[in-house]
PDB file of N, CA and C in Angstrom:
ATOM      1  N   MET A   1     -30.549  67.807 -28.648  1.00  0.00           N
ATOM      2  CA  MET A   1     -28.907  68.000 -28.595  1.00  0.00           C
ATOM      3  C   MET A   1     -27.729  66.957 -28.953  1.00  0.00           C
ATOM      4  N   ARG A   2     -26.730  67.271 -29.561  1.00  0.00           N
ATOM      5  CA  ARG A   2     -25.594  66.727 -30.149  1.00  0.00           C
ATOM      6  C   ARG A   2     -24.148  66.749 -29.339  1.00  0.00           C
ATOM      7  N   THR A   3     -23.146  65.388 -29.146  1.00  0.00           N
ATOM      8  CA  THR A   3     -22.109  65.167 -28.400  1.00  0.00           C
ATOM      9  C   THR A   3     -21.083  65.272 -29.097  1.00  0.00           C
ATOM     10  N   LYS A   4     -19.994  65.682 -28.903  1.00  0.00           N
ATOM     11  CA  LYS A   4     -18.747  64.762 -29.620  1.00  0.00           C
ATOM     12  C   LYS A   4     -17.696  64.717 -28.382  1.00  0.00           C
ATOM     13  N   THR A   5     -16.537  63.658 -28.740  1.00  0.00           N
ATOM     14  CA  THR A   5     -15.682  63.735 -27.368  1.00  0.00           C
ATOM     15  C   THR A   5     -14.281  64.263 -27.760  1.00  0.00           C
ATOM     16  N   LEU A   6     -13.830  65.014 -27.367  1.00  0.00           N
ATOM     17  CA  LEU A   6     -12.347  65.679 -28.047  1.00  0.00           C
ATOM     18  C   LEU A   6     -11.334  65.348 -27.049  1.00  0.00           C
ATOM     19  N   GLU A   7     -10.115  65.333 -27.613  1.00  0.00           N
ATOM     20  CA  GLU A   7      -9.232  65.548 -26.918  1.00  0.00           C
ATOM     21  C   GLU A   7      -8.468  67.252 -27.082  1.00  0.00           C
ATOM     22  N   ILE A   8      -8.267  68.022 -25.556  1.00  0.00           N
ATOM     23  CA  ILE A   8      -7.427  69.240 -25.846  1.00  0.00           C
ATOM     24  C   ILE A   8      -6.898  69.065 -25.268  1.00  0.00           C
ATOM     25  N   ARG A   9      -5.460  69.844 -25.753  1.00  0.00           N
ATOM     26  CA  ARG A   9      -3.915  69.766 -25.400  1.00  0.00           C
ATOM     27  C   ARG A   9      -3.422  70.934 -25.713  1.00  0.00           C
ATOM     28  N   ASP A  10      -2.405  71.201 -24.779  1.00  0.00           N
ATOM     29  CA  ASP A  10      -1.758  72.349 -24.436  1.00  0.00           C
ATOM     30  C   ASP A  10      -0.435  72.361 -24.134  1.00  0.00           C
ATOM     31  N   ARG A  11      -0.018  72.335 -23.663  1.00  0.00           N
ATOM     32  CA  ARG A  11       1.299  72.766 -23.277  1.00  0.00           C
ATOM     33  C   ARG A  11       1.507  71.450 -21.810  1.00  0.00           C
ATOM     34  N   MET A  12       2.369  70.131 -22.396  1.00  0.00           N
ATOM     35  CA  MET A  12       2.278  69.576 -20.606  1.00  0.00           C
ATOM     36  C   MET A  12       0.463  69.386 -21.035  1.00  0.00           C
ATOM     37  N   THR A  13      -0.330  69.396 -21.271  1.00  0.00           N
ATOM     38  CA  THR A  13      -1.712  69.143 -20.953  1.00  0.00           C
ATOM     39  C   THR A  13      -2.332  68.183 -21.748  1.00  0.00           C
ATOM     40  N   PHE A  14      -3.257  67.351 -21.410  1.00  0.00           N
ATOM     41  CA  PHE A  14      -4.280  66.491 -22.209  1.00  0.00           C
ATOM     42  C   PHE A  14      -5.682  66.106 -21.277  1.00  0.00           C
ATOM     43  N   ILE A  15      -6.453  66.735 -22.151  1.00  0.00           N
ATOM     44  CA  ILE A  15      -7.714  66.472 -21.304  1.00  0.00           C
ATOM     45  C   ILE A  15      -8.553  65.988 -21.950  1.00  0.00           C
ATOM     46  N   PRO A  16      -9.249  64.915 -21.788  1.00  0.00           N
ATOM     47  CA  PRO A  16     -10.271  64.344 -22.663  1.00  0.00           C
ATOM     48  C   PRO A  16     -11.712  65.429 -22.216  1.00  0.00           C
ATOM     49  N   ALA A  17     -12.202  65.383 -23.097  1.00  0.00           N
ATOM     50  CA  ALA A  17     -12.999  66.669 -22.951  1.00  0.00           C
ATOM     51  C   ALA A  17     -14.564  65.928 -23.636  1.00  0.00           C
ATOM     52  N   LEU A  18     -15.801  66.679 -23.257  1.00  0.00           N
ATOM     53  CA  LEU A  18     -17.086  66.220 -23.848  1.00  0.00           C
ATOM     54  C   LEU A  18     -17.452  67.945 -24.081  1.00  0.00           C
ATOM     55  N   ALA A  19     -17.951  67.947 -25.236  1.00  0.00           N
ATOM     56  CA  ALA A  19     -18.560  68.920 -25.411  1.00  0.00           C
ATOM     57  C   ALA A  19     -20.166  68.972 -26.242  1.00  0.00           C
ATOM     58  N   VAL A  20     -21.166  69.468 -25.926  1.00  0.00           N
ATOM     59  CA  VAL A  20     -22.710  69.242 -26.216  1.00  0.00           C
ATOM     60  C   VAL A  20     -23.142  70.732 -26.815  1.00  0.00           C
ATOM     61  N   ASP A  21     -24.146  70.271 -28.058  1.00  0.00           N
ATOM     62  CA  ASP A  21     -24.149  71.712 -28.998  1.00  0.00           C
ATOM     63  C   ASP A  21     -25.477  71.462 -28.364  1.00  0.00           C
ATOM     64  N   MET A  22     -26.181  72.672 -26.926  1.00  0.00           N
ATOM     65  CA  MET A  22     -27.355  72.666 -26.807  1.00  0.00           C
ATOM     66  C   MET A  22     -28.737  73.062 -27.463  1.00  0.00           C
ATOM     67  N   ASN A  23     -28.908  72.739 -28.695  1.00  0.00           N
ATOM     68  CA  ASN A  23     -29.431  73.144 -29.636  1.00  0.00           C
ATOM     69  C   ASN A  23     -30.525  71.424 -29.887  1.00  0.00           C
ATOM     70  N   PRO A  24     -31.517  71.933 -29.663  1.00  0.00           N
ATOM     71  CA  PRO A  24     -32.644  70.662 -30.336  1.00  0.00           C
ATOM     72  C   PRO A  24     -32.471  69.626 -31.105  1.00  0.00           C
ATOM     73  N   THR A  25     -32.874  68.185 -31.123  1.00  0.00           N
ATOM     74  CA  THR A  25     -32.180  67.688 -32.092  1.00  0.00           C
ATOM     75  C   THR A  25     -33.704  67.823 -32.886  1.00  0.00           C
ATOM     76  N   ASP A  26     -33.427  67.277 -33.828  1.00  0.00           N
ATOM     77  CA  ASP A  26     -34.241  66.568 -35.089  1.00  0.00           C
ATOM     78  C   ASP A  26     -35.509  65.503 -34.714  1.00  0.00           C
ATOM     79  N   GLU A  27     -35.324  64.822 -33.792  1.00  0.00           N
ATOM     80  CA  GLU A  27     -35.679  63.345 -33.396  1.00  0.00           C
ATOM     81  C   GLU A  27     -37.474  63.851 -33.680  1.00  0.00           C
ATOM     82  N   VAL A  28     -37.813  62.797 -33.933  1.00  0.00           N
ATOM     83  CA  VAL A  28     -39.376  63.002 -33.731  1.00  0.00           C
ATOM     84  C   VAL A  28     -39.897  63.082 -32.340  1.00  0.00           C
ATOM     85  N   GLY A  29     -41.030  63.932 -31.721  1.00  0.00           N
ATOM     86  CA  GLY A  29     -40.671  64.053 -30.349  1.00  0.00           C
ATOM     87  C   GLY A  29     -40.389  64.591 -29.828  1.00  0.00           C
ATOM     88  N   ALA A  30     -38.593  64.569 -30.158  1.00  0.00           N
ATOM     89  CA  ALA A  30     -37.630  65.196 -28.863  1.00  0.00           C
ATOM     90  C   ALA A  30     -37.577  66.923 -28.870  1.00  0.00           C
ATOM     91  N   VAL A  31     -37.696  66.995 -30.201  1.00  0.00           N
ATOM     92  CA  VAL A  31     -37.700  68.836 -30.651  1.00  0.00           C
ATOM     93  C   VAL A  31     -38.473  69.873 -29.797  1.00  0.00           C
ATOM     94  N   ASP A  32     -39.553  69.561 -29.401  1.00  0.00           N
ATOM     95  CA  ASP A  32     -40.430  70.541 -28.675  1.00  0.00           C
ATOM     96  C   ASP A  32     -40.048  70.430 -26.892  1.00  0.00           C
ATOM     97  N   ALA A  33     -39.863  68.997 -26.616  1.00  0.00           N
ATOM     98  CA  ALA A  33     -39.367  68.951 -24.939  1.00  0.00           C
ATOM     99  C   ALA A  33     -38.040  69.459 -25.001  1.00  0.00           C
ATOM    100  N   GLN A  34     -37.417  69.081 -25.798  1.00  0.00           N
ATOM    101  CA  GLN A  34     -35.916  69.673 -25.766  1.00  0.00           C
ATOM    102  C   GLN A  34     -36.079  71.444 -25.708  1.00  0.00           C
ATOM    103  N   ARG A  35     -36.482  71.770 -26.921  1.00  0.00           N
ATOM    104  CA  ARG A  35     -36.500  72.994 -27.137  1.00  0.00           C
ATOM    105  C   ARG A  35     -37.096  73.935 -26.257  1.00  0.00           C
ATOM    106  N   TRP A  36     -38.219  72.974 -25.430  1.00  0.00           N
ATOM    107  CA  TRP A  36     -38.585  74.376 -24.502  1.00  0.00           C
ATOM    108  C   TRP A  36     -37.890  73.982 -23.230  1.00  0.00           C
ATOM    109  N   LEU A  37     -37.280  72.858 -22.867  1.00  0.00           N
ATOM    110  CA  LEU A  37     -36.617  73.048 -21.764  1.00  0.00           C
ATOM    111  C   LEU A  37     -35.313  74.033 -21.846  1.00  0.00           C
ATOM    112  N   LEU A  38     -34.613  74.018 -22.786  1.00  0.00           N
ATOM    113  CA  LEU A  38     -33.545  74.699 -23.118  1.00  0.00           C
ATOM    114  C   LEU A  38     -33.796  75.980 -23.141  1.00  0.00           C
ATOM    115  N   ARG A  39     -34.970  76.574 -24.082  1.00  0.00           N
ATOM    116  CA  ARG A  39     -35.131  77.969 -23.906  1.00  0.00           C
ATOM    117  C   ARG A  39     -35.661  78.350 -22.701  1.00  0.00           C
ATOM    118  N   ARG A  40     -35.715  77.948 -21.580  1.00  0.00           N
ATOM    119  CA  ARG A  40     -36.214  78.108 -20.109  1.00  0.00           C
ATOM    120  C   ARG A  40     -35.195  78.430 -19.466  1.00  0.00           C
ATOM    121  N   VAL A  41     -34.076  77.337 -20.010  1.00  0.00           N
ATOM    122  CA  VAL A  41     -32.871  78.200 -19.158  1.00  0.00           C
ATOM    123  C   VAL A  41     -32.022  78.912 -19.771  1.00  0.00           C
ATOM    124  N   GLY A  42     -32.492  79.664 -20.534  1.00  0.00           N
ATOM    125  CA  GLY A  42     -31.977  80.625 -21.146  1.00  0.00           C
ATOM    126  C   GLY A  42     -31.119  80.442 -22.559  1.00  0.00           C
ATOM    127  N   TYR A  43     -30.797  78.977 -23.461  1.00  0.00           N
ATOM    128  CA  TYR A  43     -30.195  78.864 -24.796  1.00  0.00           C
ATOM    129  C   TYR A  43     -31.680  79.677 -25.198  1.00  0.00           C
ATOM    130  N   ALA A  44     -30.592  80.075 -26.440  1.00  0.00           N
ATOM    131  CA  ALA A  44     -31.050  80.482 -27.574  1.00  0.00           C
ATOM    132  C   ALA A  44     -31.771  79.606 -28.787  1.00  0.00           C
ATOM    133  N   CYS A  45     -31.386  78.129 -28.782  1.00  0.00           N
ATOM    134  CA  CYS A  45     -31.893  77.452 -29.432  1.00  0.00           C
ATOM    135  C   CYS A  45     -32.107  78.131 -31.381  1.00  0.00           C
ATOM    136  N   ASP A  46     -31.365  78.706 -31.525  1.00  0.00           N
ATOM    137  CA  ASP A  46     -31.340  79.773 -33.170  1.00  0.00           C
ATOM    138  C   ASP A  46     -30.624  78.653 -33.899  1.00  0.00           C
ATOM    139  N   GLY A  47     -30.128  77.688 -33.458  1.00  0.00           N
ATOM    140  CA  GLY A  47     -29.305  76.787 -34.819  1.00  0.00           C
ATOM    141  C   GLY A  47     -27.693  77.103 -34.615  1.00  0.00           C
ATOM    142  N   SER A  48     -27.290  78.607 -34.005  1.00  0.00           N
ATOM    143  CA  SER A  48     -25.802  78.355 -33.453  1.00  0.00           C
ATOM    144  C   SER A  48     -25.364  77.462 -32.842  1.00  0.00           C
ATOM    145  N   PRO A  49     -24.198  77.206 -32.342  1.00  0.00           N
ATOM    146  CA  PRO A  49     -23.603  76.266 -32.032  1.00  0.00           C
ATOM    147  C   PRO A  49     -23.393  76.960 -29.883  1.00  0.00           C
ATOM    148  N   ASN A  50     -24.363  76.325 -29.202  1.00  0.00           N
ATOM    149  CA  ASN A  50     -24.364  76.794 -28.291  1.00  0.00           C
ATOM    150  C   ASN A  50     -23.739  75.728 -27.112  1.00  0.00           C
ATOM    151  N   ILE A  51     -22.036  75.721 -27.109  1.00  0.00           N
ATOM    152  CA  ILE A  51     -21.735  74.470 -26.333  1.00  0.00           C
ATOM    153  C   ILE A  51     -21.458  74.737 -24.991  1.00  0.00           C
ATOM    154  N   ILE A  52     -21.889  73.538 -24.047  1.00  0.00           N
ATOM    155  CA  ILE A  52     -21.552  73.316 -23.198  1.00  0.00           C
ATOM    156  C   ILE A  52     -19.682  72.525 -23.202  1.00  0.00           C
ATOM    157  N   LEU A  53     -18.937  72.950 -22.199  1.00  0.00           N
ATOM    158  CA  LEU A  53     -17.759  71.767 -22.386  1.00  0.00           C
ATOM    159  C   LEU A  53     -17.321  71.743 -21.053  1.00  0.00           C
ATOM    160  N   THR A  54     -16.932  70.083 -20.829  1.00  0.00           N
ATOM    161  CA  THR A  54     -16.206  69.530 -19.790  1.00  0.00           C
ATOM    162  C   THR A  54     -15.407  68.623 -19.826  1.00  0.00           C
ATOM    163  N   ARG A  55     -15.202  68.258 -18.864  1.00  0.00           N
ATOM    164  CA  ARG A  55     -14.035  67.267 -18.587  1.00  0.00           C
ATOM    165  C   ARG A  55     -14.874  65.632 -19.199  1.00  0.00           C
ATOM    166  N   LEU A  56     -14.382  64.882 -19.671  1.00  0.00           N
ATOM    167  CA  LEU A  56     -15.107  63.259 -19.881  1.00  0.00           C
ATOM    168  C   LEU A  56     -15.545  63.122 -18.893  1.00  0.00           C
ATOM    169  N   ASP A  57     -14.181  62.945 -17.644  1.00  0.00           N
ATOM    170  CA  ASP A  57     -14.984  62.349 -16.805  1.00  0.00           C
ATOM    171  C   ASP A  57     -15.721  62.939 -15.488  1.00  0.00           C
ATOM    172  N   GLY A  58     -16.311  64.234 -15.901  1.00  0.00           N
ATOM    173  CA  GLY A  58     -16.851  64.908 -15.380  1.00  0.00           C
ATOM    174  C   GLY A  58     -16.482  65.324 -13.832  1.00  0.00           C
ATOM    175  N   SER A  59     -14.967  65.663 -13.750  1.00  0.00           N
ATOM    176  CA  SER A  59     -14.451  66.338 -12.766  1.00  0.00           C
ATOM    177  C   SER A  59     -14.372  67.756 -12.213  1.00  0.00           C
ATOM    178  N   ALA A  60     -15.147  68.306 -13.522  1.00  0.00           N
ATOM    179  CA  ALA A  60     -14.985  70.090 -13.608  1.00  0.00           C
ATOM    180  C   ALA A  60     -16.055  70.113 -13.628  1.00  0.00           C
ATOM    181  N   LYS A  61     -16.210  71.645 -13.894  1.00  0.00           N
ATOM    182  CA  LYS A  61     -17.666  72.507 -13.895  1.00  0.00           C
ATOM    183  C   LYS A  61     -17.962  72.312 -15.292  1.00  0.00           C
ATOM    184  N   ALA A  62     -19.230  72.411 -15.711  1.00  0.00           N
ATOM    185  CA  ALA A  62     -19.300  72.715 -17.477  1.00  0.00           C
ATOM    186  C   ALA A  62     -19.708  74.362 -17.488  1.00  0.00           C
ATOM    187  N   ALA A  63     -19.067  75.104 -18.697  1.00  0.00           N
ATOM    188  CA  ALA A  63     -19.348  76.166 -18.794  1.00  0.00           C
ATOM    189  C   ALA A  63     -20.218  76.203 -19.622  1.00  0.00           C
ATOM    190  N   PHE A  64     -21.442  77.218 -19.039  1.00  0.00           N
ATOM    191  CA  PHE A  64     -22.529  77.451 -19.736  1.00  0.00           C
ATOM    192  C   PHE A  64     -22.619  77.990 -21.192  1.00  0.00           C
ATOM    193  N   SER A  65     -22.270  77.396 -22.108  1.00  0.00           N
ATOM    194  CA  SER A  65     -22.075  78.189 -23.982  1.00  0.00           C
ATOM    195  C   SER A  65     -21.159  79.723 -23.149  1.00  0.00           C
ATOM    196  N   ASP A  66     -20.110  79.796 -22.720  1.00  0.00           N
ATOM    197  CA  ASP A  66     -19.646  81.329 -22.549  1.00  0.00           C
ATOM    198  C   ASP A  66     -18.076  80.754 -21.972  1.00  0.00           C
ATOM    199  N   PRO A  67     -17.231  81.032 -22.844  1.00  0.00           N
ATOM    200  CA  PRO A  67     -15.792  80.584 -22.922  1.00  0.00           C
ATOM    201  C   PRO A  67     -15.106  81.244 -22.028  1.00  0.00           C
ATOM    202  N   TYR A  68     -15.611  82.355 -22.143  1.00  0.00           N
ATOM    203  CA  TYR A  68     -15.432  83.601 -20.587  1.00  0.00           C
ATOM    204  C   TYR A  68     -15.209  83.339 -19.477  1.00  0.00           C
ATOM    205  N   ASP A  69     -15.731  82.002 -19.212  1.00  0.00           N
ATOM    206  CA  ASP A  69     -16.289  81.721 -17.831  1.00  0.00           C
ATOM    207  C   ASP A  69     -14.838  81.125 -17.052  1.00  0.00           C
ATOM    208  N   TYR A  70     -14.042  80.528 -18.111  1.00  0.00           N
ATOM    209  CA  TYR A  70     -12.872  79.994 -17.478  1.00  0.00           C
ATOM    210  C   TYR A  70     -11.339  80.603 -17.242  1.00  0.00           C
ATOM    211  N   ASN A  71     -10.935  81.037 -16.437  1.00  0.00           N
ATOM    212  CA  ASN A  71     -10.059  81.755 -16.005  1.00  0.00           C
ATOM    213  C   ASN A  71      -8.550  81.092 -16.358  1.00  0.00           C
ATOM    214  N   ASP A  72      -8.755  80.487 -17.527  1.00  0.00           N
ATOM    215  CA  ASP A  72      -7.504  79.517 -17.885  1.00  0.00           C
ATOM    216  C   ASP A  72      -7.398  79.573 -19.450  1.00  0.00           C
ATOM    217  N   ARG A  73      -5.947  79.802 -20.276  1.00  0.00           N
ATOM    218  CA  ARG A  73      -6.422  80.114 -21.234  1.00  0.00           C
ATOM    219  C   ARG A  73      -6.241  78.614 -22.365  1.00  0.00           C
ATOM    220  N   THR A  74      -6.071  77.204 -21.412  1.00  0.00           N
ATOM    221  CA  THR A  74      -6.394  76.502 -22.092  1.00  0.00           C
ATOM    222  C   THR A  74      -8.078  75.921 -22.271  1.00  0.00           C
ATOM    223  N   TRP A  75      -8.481  76.165 -21.031  1.00  0.00           N
ATOM    224  CA  TRP A  75     -10.267  75.931 -21.473  1.00  0.00           C
ATOM    225  C   TRP A  75     -10.880  77.098 -22.500  1.00  0.00           C
ATOM    226  N   ARG A  76     -10.018  78.117 -22.322  1.00  0.00           N
ATOM    227  CA  ARG A  76     -11.005  79.400 -22.945  1.00  0.00           C
ATOM    228  C   ARG A  76     -10.551  79.258 -24.440  1.00  0.00           C
ATOM    229  N   THR A  77      -9.315  79.090 -24.800  1.00  0.00           N
ATOM    230  CA  THR A  77      -8.877  78.823 -25.976  1.00  0.00           C
ATOM    231  C   THR A  77      -9.645  77.700 -27.007  1.00  0.00           C
ATOM    232  N   ALA A  78      -9.504  76.526 -26.043  1.00  0.00           N
ATOM    233  CA  ALA A  78     -10.167  75.139 -27.084  1.00  0.00           C
ATOM    234  C   ALA A  78     -11.789  75.989 -27.081  1.00  0.00           C
ATOM    235  N   HIS A  79     -12.612  76.521 -25.881  1.00  0.00           N
ATOM    236  CA  HIS A  79     -14.024  76.804 -26.138  1.00  0.00           C
ATOM    237  C   HIS A  79     -13.925  76.983 -27.263  1.00  0.00           C
ATOM    238  N   LEU A  80     -13.443  78.738 -27.536  1.00  0.00           N
ATOM    239  CA  LEU A  80     -13.635  79.390 -28.749  1.00  0.00           C
ATOM    240  C   LEU A  80     -13.739  78.699 -29.766  1.00  0.00           C
ATOM    241  N   PHE A  81     -12.562  77.737 -29.960  1.00  0.00           N
ATOM    242  CA  PHE A  81     -12.242  77.146 -31.053  1.00  0.00           C
ATOM    243  C   PHE A  81     -13.495  76.045 -31.267  1.00  0.00           C
ATOM    244  N   ILE A  82     -14.021  75.701 -30.278  1.00  0.00           N
ATOM    245  CA  ILE A  82     -14.744  74.719 -30.552  1.00  0.00           C
ATOM    246  C   ILE A  82     -16.424  75.170 -31.127  1.00  0.00           C
ATOM    247  N   ILE A  83     -16.616  75.920 -30.500  1.00  0.00           N
ATOM    248  CA  ILE A  83     -17.577  76.780 -30.994  1.00  0.00           C
ATOM    249  C   ILE A  83     -17.440  77.313 -32.713  1.00  0.00           C
ATOM    250  N   GLU A  84     -15.957  78.015 -32.721  1.00  0.00           N
ATOM    251  CA  GLU A  84     -16.303  78.088 -34.433  1.00  0.00           C
ATOM    252  C   GLU A  84     -15.790  77.153 -35.136  1.00  0.00           C
ATOM    253  N   HIS A  85     -15.526  75.981 -34.390  1.00  0.00           N
ATOM    254  CA  HIS A  85     -15.255  75.090 -35.921  1.00  0.00           C
ATOM    255  C   HIS A  85     -16.424  73.232 -35.938  1.00  0.00           C
ATOM    256  N   TRP A  86     -17.311  74.068 -34.912  1.00  0.00           N
ATOM    257  CA  TRP A  86     -18.401  72.642 -34.190  1.00  0.00           C
ATOM    258  C   TRP A  86     -18.959  71.681 -35.452  1.00  0.00           C
ATOM    259  N   ASN A  87     -19.172  72.315 -36.528  1.00  0.00           N
ATOM    260  CA  ASN A  87     -19.678  71.593 -37.451  1.00  0.00           C
ATOM    261  C   ASN A  87     -18.382  70.741 -38.000  1.00  0.00           C
ATOM    262  N   GLU A  88     -17.104  71.572 -38.040  1.00  0.00           N
ATOM    263  CA  GLU A  88     -16.144  70.221 -38.658  1.00  0.00           C
ATOM    264  C   GLU A  88     -15.802  69.231 -37.973  1.00  0.00           C
ATOM    265  N   LEU A  89     -15.593  69.294 -36.518  1.00  0.00           N
ATOM    266  CA  LEU A  89     -15.490  69.004 -35.501  1.00  0.00           C
ATOM    267  C   LEU A  89     -15.688  67.283 -35.556  1.00  0.00           C
ATOM    268  N   LYS A  90     -14.807  66.376 -35.386  1.00  0.00           N
ATOM    269  CA  LYS A  90     -15.688  65.110 -35.183  1.00  0.00           C
ATOM    270  C   LYS A  90     -15.066  64.488 -34.005  1.00  0.00           C
ATOM    271  N   ASP A  91     -15.572  63.271 -33.323  1.00  0.00           N
ATOM    272  CA  ASP A  91     -15.176  62.725 -32.121  1.00  0.00           C
ATOM    273  C   ASP A  91     -14.322  62.110 -32.544  1.00  0.00           C
ATOM    274  N   GLY A  92     -13.460  62.848 -31.054  1.00  0.00           N
ATOM    275  CA  GLY A  92     -12.049  61.944 -31.245  1.00  0.00           C
ATOM    276  C   GLY A  92     -11.179  62.874 -31.892  1.00  0.00           C
ATOM    277  N   ASP A  93     -11.316  64.294 -32.021  1.00  0.00           N
ATOM    278  CA  ASP A  93     -10.467  65.278 -33.018  1.00  0.00           C
ATOM    279  C   ASP A  93      -9.822  65.600 -31.450  1.00  0.00           C
ATOM    280  N   VAL A  94      -8.407  66.358 -32.244  1.00  0.00           N
ATOM    281  CA  VAL A  94      -7.252  67.139 -31.239  1.00  0.00           C
ATOM    282  C   VAL A  94      -7.714  68.849 -31.528  1.00  0.00           C
ATOM    283  N   VAL A  95      -7.902  69.267 -30.242  1.00  0.00           N
ATOM    284  CA  VAL A  95      -7.923  70.779 -30.519  1.00  0.00           C
ATOM    285  C   VAL A  95      -6.881  71.052 -29.628  1.00  0.00           C
ATOM    286  N   ASP A  96      -5.685  71.454 -30.565  1.00  0.00           N
ATOM    287  CA  ASP A  96      -4.245  71.665 -29.924  1.00  0.00           C
ATOM    288  C   ASP A  96      -4.207  73.474 -29.729  1.00  0.00           C
ATOM    289  N   VAL A  97      -4.018  74.194 -28.273  1.00  0.00           N
ATOM    290  CA  VAL A  97      -4.241  75.713 -27.846  1.00  0.00           C
ATOM    291  C   VAL A  97      -2.590  75.538 -28.480  1.00  0.00           C
ATOM    292  N   GLU A  98      -1.838  75.275 -28.354  1.00  0.00           N
ATOM    293  CA  GLU A  98      -0.486  75.734 -28.550  1.00  0.00           C
ATOM    294  C   GLU A  98      -0.787  76.176 -30.470  1.00  0.00           C
ATOM    295  N   TYR A  99      -1.339  74.953 -31.071  1.00  0.00           N
ATOM    296  CA  TYR A  99      -1.524  75.771 -33.161  1.00  0.00           C
ATOM    297  C   TYR A  99      -1.951  76.379 -32.944  1.00  0.00           C
ATOM    298  N   ILE A 100      -3.136  76.316 -32.169  1.00  0.00           N
ATOM    299  CA  ILE A 100      -4.374  77.150 -32.712  1.00  0.00           C
ATOM    300  C   ILE A 100      -3.975  79.272 -32.177  1.00  0.00           C
ATOM    301  N   LEU A 101      -2.854  78.925 -30.933  1.00  0.00           N
ATOM    302  CA  LEU A 101      -2.572  80.584 -30.552  1.00  0.00           C
ATOM    303  C   LEU A 101      -1.484  80.660 -31.464  1.00  0.00           C
ATOM    304  N   GLY A 102      -1.150  79.911 -32.431  1.00  0.00           N
ATOM    305  CA  GLY A 102       0.383  79.842 -33.419  1.00  0.00           C
ATOM    306  C   GLY A 102       1.555  79.892 -32.895  1.00  0.00           C
ATOM    307  N   GLU A 103       1.633  78.695 -31.472  1.00  0.00           N
ATOM    308  CA  GLU A 103       3.211  78.686 -31.100  1.00  0.00           C
ATOM    309  C   GLU A 103       3.643  77.355 -31.443  1.00  0.00           C
ATOM    310  N   THR A 104       3.066  76.550 -32.269  1.00  0.00           N
ATOM    311  CA  THR A 104       4.012  75.208 -32.721  1.00  0.00           C
ATOM    312  C   THR A 104       3.704  75.291 -34.506  1.00  0.00           C
ATOM    313  N   ARG A 105       4.201  75.136 -35.268  1.00  0.00           N
ATOM    314  CA  ARG A 105       3.822  74.782 -36.342  1.00  0.00           C
ATOM    315  C   ARG A 105       2.992  74.177 -37.260  1.00  0.00           C
ATOM    316  N   GLU A 106       2.968  72.610 -36.287  1.00  0.00           N
ATOM    317  CA  GLU A 106       1.804  71.340 -36.588  1.00  0.00           C
ATOM    318  C   GLU A 106       0.848  70.809 -35.675  1.00  0.00           C
ATOM    319  N   PRO A 107      -0.398  70.599 -36.049  1.00  0.00           N
ATOM    320  CA  PRO A 107      -0.877  70.184 -34.758  1.00  0.00           C
ATOM    321  C   PRO A 107      -0.154  69.036 -34.217  1.00  0.00           C
ATOM    322  N   LYS A 108      -0.942  68.796 -32.930  1.00  0.00           N
ATOM    323  CA  LYS A 108      -0.545  67.552 -32.352  1.00  0.00           C
ATOM    324  C   LYS A 108      -1.424  66.313 -32.661  1.00  0.00           C
ATOM    325  N   ILE A 109      -1.116  65.223 -32.825  1.00  0.00           N
ATOM    326  CA  ILE A 109      -1.722  64.058 -32.922  1.00  0.00           C
ATOM    327  C   ILE A 109      -2.018  63.559 -31.925  1.00  0.00           C
ATOM    328  N   SER A 110      -3.060  62.541 -32.041  1.00  0.00           N
ATOM    329  CA  SER A 110      -4.182  62.017 -31.076  1.00  0.00           C
ATOM    330  C   SER A 110      -3.170  61.146 -30.053  1.00  0.00           C
ATOM    331  N   GLU A 111      -3.164  61.538 -28.656  1.00  0.00           N
ATOM    332  CA  GLU A 111      -2.362  60.614 -28.056  1.00  0.00           C
ATOM    333  C   GLU A 111      -2.432  59.014 -28.132  1.00  0.00           C
ATOM    334  N   ARG A 112      -4.278  59.255 -28.824  1.00  0.00           N
ATOM    335  CA  ARG A 112      -4.083  57.158 -29.048  1.00  0.00           C
ATOM    336  C   ARG A 112      -3.493  56.969 -30.258  1.00  0.00           C
ATOM    337  N   PHE A 113      -2.390  57.266 -30.791  1.00  0.00           N
ATOM    338  CA  PHE A 113      -1.850  57.230 -31.986  1.00  0.00           C
ATOM    339  C   PHE A 113      -0.711  57.011 -31.294  1.00  0.00           C
ATOM    340  N   GLU A 114       0.119  57.901 -30.361  1.00  0.00           N
ATOM    341  CA  GLU A 114       0.957  57.858 -29.534  1.00  0.00           C
ATOM    342  C   GLU A 114       1.235  57.080 -29.033  1.00  0.00           C
ATOM    343  N   THR A 115       0.603  56.401 -28.434  1.00  0.00           N
ATOM    344  CA  THR A 115       0.412  55.416 -26.992  1.00  0.00           C
ATOM    345  C   THR A 115      -0.265  54.119 -27.470  1.00  0.00           C
ATOM    346  N   CYS A 116      -0.659  53.803 -28.036  1.00  0.00           N
ATOM    347  CA  CYS A 116      -1.500  52.272 -28.407  1.00  0.00           C
ATOM    348  C   CYS A 116      -1.461  51.963 -29.347  1.00  0.00           C
ATOM    349  N   PRO A 117      -0.802  50.614 -29.806  1.00  0.00           N
ATOM    350  CA  PRO A 117      -0.577  50.234 -31.197  1.00  0.00           C
ATOM    351  C   PRO A 117      -1.412  49.884 -32.133  1.00  0.00           C
TER     352      PRO A 117
END
């Protein structure tokens, strides 16, 4: 499994998030155990991104790879974007919901660049 820490942004919203691709890693010895356990709980393990998304501080539920589990535009939009762009995203990237939805012309920059010297 691979993880990425991301910054989800929307109107007046800042969410440090943890995204986990629920596909087995290719570490020696890990593949078989991970594949078996992941398949046992319903993950396809077919190489397509199966992303669990939650708050980095653990204070929210984690959606079982289903962006439509959320009744919230910020989480749903961010989750769909993360699934579609998983291979392009890096730790610390900003997932800007307003920009994704075409509500702003430029994506937000990370708060770490706005508030830290």
